[in-house]
Amino acid sequence: MRDLVKIARARVTDIQQTHWEGCERDHRECLIQRMADEIERLRAERDALKVENEKLSALERDVSNALPGVYYMDPPDGGSVPLGEQVRRMAVDAARYRWLRRAREHWDILHRQDEDSLWMDLHGNDLDAAIDAARGKE
């Protein structure tokens, strides 16, 4: 397909008319130039939207890759839960954990490494370290 903007610009250059910008008459050249201006504006808008779409797609991939598998999807097969809902569910879990870390006066979290070891009361950074160590065993 030929580029209509180039054709329109060439036509006006050939006839040496430049009054289309504010012209409200129905001159063919003025109409062609207004249309060419609109085509260029729309192309620029399309290109900007493509760039924005690429950025949003990359962000969606990054967030999706940060999720722990299908844990925050609906059972049994992982379902098709939207990404935003999965992140919301993860945020609820994170809020529960932060609350548990701060609730030392109301909760005891006991842990022992094996059947022969003593129970240890864990809170704060010690709780984080114990959980991280246990997860490393998975």
C-alpha atoms as a PDB file:
ATOM      1  CA  MET A   1       0.000   0.000   0.000  1.00  0.00           C
ATOM      2  CA  ARG A   2       1.331   3.410  -0.893  1.00  0.00           C
ATOM      3  CA  ASP A   3       1.946   5.982   1.827  1.00  0.00           C
ATOM      4  CA  LEU A   4      -0.867   8.527   1.424  1.00  0.00           C
ATOM      5  CA  VAL A   5       0.912  11.088   3.572  1.00  0.00           C
ATOM      6  CA  LYS A   6       3.933  11.140   1.254  1.00  0.00           C
ATOM      7  CA  ILE A   7       1.672  11.406  -1.788  1.00  0.00           C
ATOM      8  CA  ALA A   8      -0.295  14.270  -0.228  1.00  0.00           C
ATOM      9  CA  ARG A   9       2.820  16.152   0.841  1.00  0.00           C
ATOM     10  CA  ALA A  10       4.363  15.707  -2.615  1.00  0.00           C
ATOM     11  CA  ARG A  11       1.199  17.002  -4.306  1.00  0.00           C
ATOM     12  CA  VAL A  12       1.188  20.198  -2.262  1.00  0.00           C
ATOM     13  CA  THR A  13       4.915  20.685  -2.779  1.00  0.00           C
ATOM     14  CA  ASP A  14       4.378  20.355  -6.522  1.00  0.00           C
ATOM     15  CA  ILE A  15       1.664  23.023  -6.641  1.00  0.00           C
ATOM     16  CA  GLN A  16       3.342  25.244  -4.022  1.00  0.00           C
ATOM     17  CA  GLN A  17       0.245  25.845  -1.870  1.00  0.00           C
ATOM     18  CA  THR A  18       0.621  26.122   1.884  1.00  0.00           C
ATOM     19  CA  HIS A  19      -2.684  27.577   3.103  1.00  0.00           C
ATOM     20  CA  TRP A  20      -4.333  24.353   4.280  1.00  0.00           C
ATOM     21  CA  GLU A  21      -3.621  24.745   8.020  1.00  0.00           C
ATOM     22  CA  GLY A  22      -6.370  27.264   8.689  1.00  0.00           C
ATOM     23  CA  CYS A  23      -8.286  26.955   5.486  1.00  0.00           C
ATOM     24  CA  GLU A  24     -11.919  26.080   5.967  1.00  0.00           C
ATOM     25  CA  ARG A  25     -12.795  25.905   2.319  1.00  0.00           C
ATOM     26  CA  ASP A  26     -13.102  22.662   0.448  1.00  0.00           C
ATOM     27  CA  HIS A  27      -9.907  23.009  -1.538  1.00  0.00           C
ATOM     28  CA  ARG A  28      -8.810  19.545  -2.490  1.00  0.00           C
ATOM     29  CA  GLU A  29      -5.202  20.218  -1.457  1.00  0.00           C
ATOM     30  CA  CYS A  30      -6.287  21.672   1.898  1.00  0.00           C
ATOM     31  CA  LEU A  31      -8.469  18.650   2.606  1.00  0.00           C
ATOM     32  CA  ILE A  32      -5.668  16.286   1.618  1.00  0.00           C
ATOM     33  CA  GLN A  33      -3.224  18.074   3.903  1.00  0.00           C
ATOM     34  CA  ARG A  34      -5.621  18.066   6.858  1.00  0.00           C
ATOM     35  CA  MET A  35      -6.118  14.349   6.334  1.00  0.00           C
ATOM     36  CA  ALA A  36      -2.364  13.810   6.055  1.00  0.00           C
ATOM     37  CA  ASP A  37      -1.852  15.750   9.312  1.00  0.00           C
ATOM     38  CA  GLU A  38      -4.456  13.570  11.023  1.00  0.00           C
ATOM     39  CA  ILE A  39      -2.838  10.388   9.677  1.00  0.00           C
ATOM     40  CA  GLU A  40       0.534  11.488  11.068  1.00  0.00           C
ATOM     41  CA  ARG A  41      -1.050  12.330  14.438  1.00  0.00           C
ATOM     42  CA  LEU A  42      -2.754   8.939  14.581  1.00  0.00           C
ATOM     43  CA  ARG A  43       0.459   7.123  13.635  1.00  0.00           C
ATOM     44  CA  ALA A  44       2.335   8.898  16.429  1.00  0.00           C
ATOM     45  CA  GLU A  45      -0.441   7.988  18.882  1.00  0.00           C
ATOM     46  CA  ARG A  46      -0.390   4.358  17.687  1.00  0.00           C
ATOM     47  CA  ASP A  47       3.390   4.182  18.096  1.00  0.00           C
ATOM     48  CA  ALA A  48       3.170   5.627  21.619  1.00  0.00           C
ATOM     49  CA  LEU A  49       0.466   3.083  22.511  1.00  0.00           C
ATOM     50  CA  LYS A  50       2.615   0.237  21.170  1.00  0.00           C
ATOM     51  CA  VAL A  51       5.478   1.346  23.427  1.00  0.00           C
ATOM     52  CA  GLU A  52       3.117   1.606  26.416  1.00  0.00           C
ATOM     53  CA  ASN A  53       1.680  -1.832  25.631  1.00  0.00           C
ATOM     54  CA  GLU A  54       5.170  -3.351  25.511  1.00  0.00           C
ATOM     55  CA  LYS A  55       5.969  -1.815  28.910  1.00  0.00           C
ATOM     56  CA  LEU A  56       2.735  -3.134  30.420  1.00  0.00           C
ATOM     57  CA  SER A  57       3.327  -6.595  28.945  1.00  0.00           C
ATOM     58  CA  ALA A  58       6.822  -6.659  30.460  1.00  0.00           C
ATOM     59  CA  LEU A  59       5.421  -5.586  33.839  1.00  0.00           C
ATOM     60  CA  GLU A  60       2.753  -8.301  33.660  1.00  0.00           C
ATOM     61  CA  ARG A  61       5.433 -10.920  32.861  1.00  0.00           C
ATOM     62  CA  ASP A  62       7.599  -9.722  35.772  1.00  0.00           C
ATOM     63  CA  VAL A  63       4.708  -9.862  38.243  1.00  0.00           C
ATOM     64  CA  SER A  64       3.558 -13.228  36.919  1.00  0.00           C
ATOM     65  CA  ASN A  65       7.089 -14.639  37.209  1.00  0.00           C
ATOM     66  CA  ALA A  66       7.283 -13.431  40.823  1.00  0.00           C
ATOM     67  CA  LEU A  67       4.223 -15.489  41.837  1.00  0.00           C
ATOM     68  CA  PRO A  68       4.905 -18.847  43.522  1.00  0.00           C
ATOM     69  CA  GLY A  69       3.523 -21.164  40.865  1.00  0.00           C
ATOM     70  CA  VAL A  70      -0.215 -21.828  40.960  1.00  0.00           C
ATOM     71  CA  TYR A  71      -0.576 -21.413  44.736  1.00  0.00           C
ATOM     72  CA  TYR A  72      -2.763 -18.299  44.478  1.00  0.00           C
ATOM     73  CA  MET A  73      -5.010 -19.734  41.754  1.00  0.00           C
ATOM     74  CA  ASP A  74      -8.208 -21.632  42.369  1.00  0.00           C
ATOM     75  CA  PRO A  75      -7.851 -25.399  42.902  1.00  0.00           C
ATOM     76  CA  PRO A  76      -7.825 -28.070  41.612  1.00  0.00           C
ATOM     77  CA  ASP A  77      -6.132 -27.301  38.296  1.00  0.00           C
ATOM     78  CA  GLY A  78      -4.869 -23.758  38.802  1.00  0.00           C
ATOM     79  CA  GLY A  79      -7.966 -22.142  37.318  1.00  0.00           C
ATOM     80  CA  SER A  80      -7.742 -18.862  35.474  1.00  0.00           C
ATOM     81  CA  VAL A  81      -7.520 -16.308  38.249  1.00  0.00           C
ATOM     82  CA  PRO A  82      -6.578 -12.814  36.989  1.00  0.00           C
ATOM     83  CA  LEU A  83      -3.107 -11.617  37.884  1.00  0.00           C
ATOM     84  CA  GLY A  84      -4.455  -8.777  40.027  1.00  0.00           C
ATOM     85  CA  GLU A  85      -6.474 -11.211  42.160  1.00  0.00           C
ATOM     86  CA  GLN A  86      -3.445 -13.462  42.627  1.00  0.00           C
ATOM     87  CA  VAL A  87      -1.383 -10.480  43.812  1.00  0.00           C
ATOM     88  CA  ARG A  88      -4.235  -9.452  46.163  1.00  0.00           C
ATOM     89  CA  ARG A  89      -4.271 -12.965  47.672  1.00  0.00           C
ATOM     90  CA  MET A  90      -0.497 -12.835  48.095  1.00  0.00           C
ATOM     91  CA  ALA A  91      -0.799  -9.433  49.817  1.00  0.00           C
ATOM     92  CA  VAL A  92      -3.360 -10.896  52.257  1.00  0.00           C
ATOM     93  CA  ASP A  93      -0.917 -13.691  53.135  1.00  0.00           C
ATOM     94  CA  ALA A  94       1.887 -11.167  53.591  1.00  0.00           C
ATOM     95  CA  ALA A  95      -0.320  -9.034  55.866  1.00  0.00           C
ATOM     96  CA  ARG A  96      -1.160 -12.095  57.982  1.00  0.00           C
ATOM     97  CA  TYR A  97       2.512 -12.938  58.342  1.00  0.00           C
ATOM     98  CA  ARG A  98       3.471  -9.351  59.272  1.00  0.00           C
ATOM     99  CA  TRP A  99       0.693  -9.319  61.864  1.00  0.00           C
ATOM    100  CA  LEU A 100       1.881 -12.650  63.296  1.00  0.00           C
ATOM    101  CA  ARG A 101       5.463 -11.343  63.577  1.00  0.00           C
ATOM    102  CA  ARG A 102       4.241  -8.324  65.569  1.00  0.00           C
ATOM    103  CA  ALA A 103       1.796 -10.245  67.812  1.00  0.00           C
ATOM    104  CA  ARG A 104       4.403 -11.577  70.245  1.00  0.00           C
ATOM    105  CA  GLU A 105       2.306 -10.863  73.346  1.00  0.00           C
ATOM    106  CA  HIS A 106      -0.659 -12.857  71.998  1.00  0.00           C
ATOM    107  CA  TRP A 107       0.925 -15.720  70.093  1.00  0.00           C
ATOM    108  CA  ASP A 108       3.702 -18.213  70.644  1.00  0.00           C
ATOM    109  CA  ILE A 109       5.299 -19.818  67.642  1.00  0.00           C
ATOM    110  CA  LEU A 110       7.110 -22.959  68.671  1.00  0.00           C
ATOM    111  CA  HIS A 111       9.601 -24.758  66.532  1.00  0.00           C
ATOM    112  CA  ARG A 112      11.960 -27.703  66.877  1.00  0.00           C
ATOM    113  CA  GLN A 113      14.359 -29.048  64.343  1.00  0.00           C
ATOM    114  CA  ASP A 114      13.685 -32.720  64.996  1.00  0.00           C
ATOM    115  CA  GLU A 115      12.022 -35.032  67.545  1.00  0.00           C
ATOM    116  CA  ASP A 116      14.987 -34.915  69.935  1.00  0.00           C
ATOM    117  CA  SER A 117      15.500 -31.137  70.061  1.00  0.00           C
ATOM    118  CA  LEU A 118      13.869 -28.659  72.400  1.00  0.00           C
ATOM    119  CA  TRP A 119      10.977 -26.452  71.405  1.00  0.00           C
ATOM    120  CA  MET A 120      12.058 -22.879  70.636  1.00  0.00           C
ATOM    121  CA  ASP A 121       9.845 -19.794  70.875  1.00  0.00           C
ATOM    122  CA  LEU A 122      10.377 -17.796  67.664  1.00  0.00           C
ATOM    123  CA  HIS A 123       9.546 -14.177  66.810  1.00  0.00           C
ATOM    124  CA  GLY A 124      10.688 -11.438  64.451  1.00  0.00           C
ATOM    125  CA  ASN A 125      13.986 -12.024  62.679  1.00  0.00           C
ATOM    126  CA  ASP A 126      14.447 -15.409  64.374  1.00  0.00           C
ATOM    127  CA  LEU A 127      11.107 -16.514  62.956  1.00  0.00           C
ATOM    128  CA  ASP A 128      12.131 -15.322  59.477  1.00  0.00           C
ATOM    129  CA  ALA A 129      15.452 -17.165  59.681  1.00  0.00           C
ATOM    130  CA  ALA A 130      13.768 -20.400  60.851  1.00  0.00           C
ATOM    131  CA  ILE A 131      11.226 -20.247  58.061  1.00  0.00           C
ATOM    132  CA  ASP A 132      13.884 -19.499  55.458  1.00  0.00           C
ATOM    133  CA  ALA A 133      15.991 -22.386  56.708  1.00  0.00           C
ATOM    134  CA  ALA A 134      13.015 -24.774  56.651  1.00  0.00           C
ATOM    135  CA  ARG A 135      12.031 -23.647  53.147  1.00  0.00           C
ATOM    136  CA  GLY A 136      15.598 -24.293  51.979  1.00  0.00           C
ATOM    137  CA  LYS A 137      15.047 -27.945  52.803  1.00  0.00           C
ATOM    138  CA  GLU A 138      12.111 -28.213  50.363  1.00  0.00           C
END
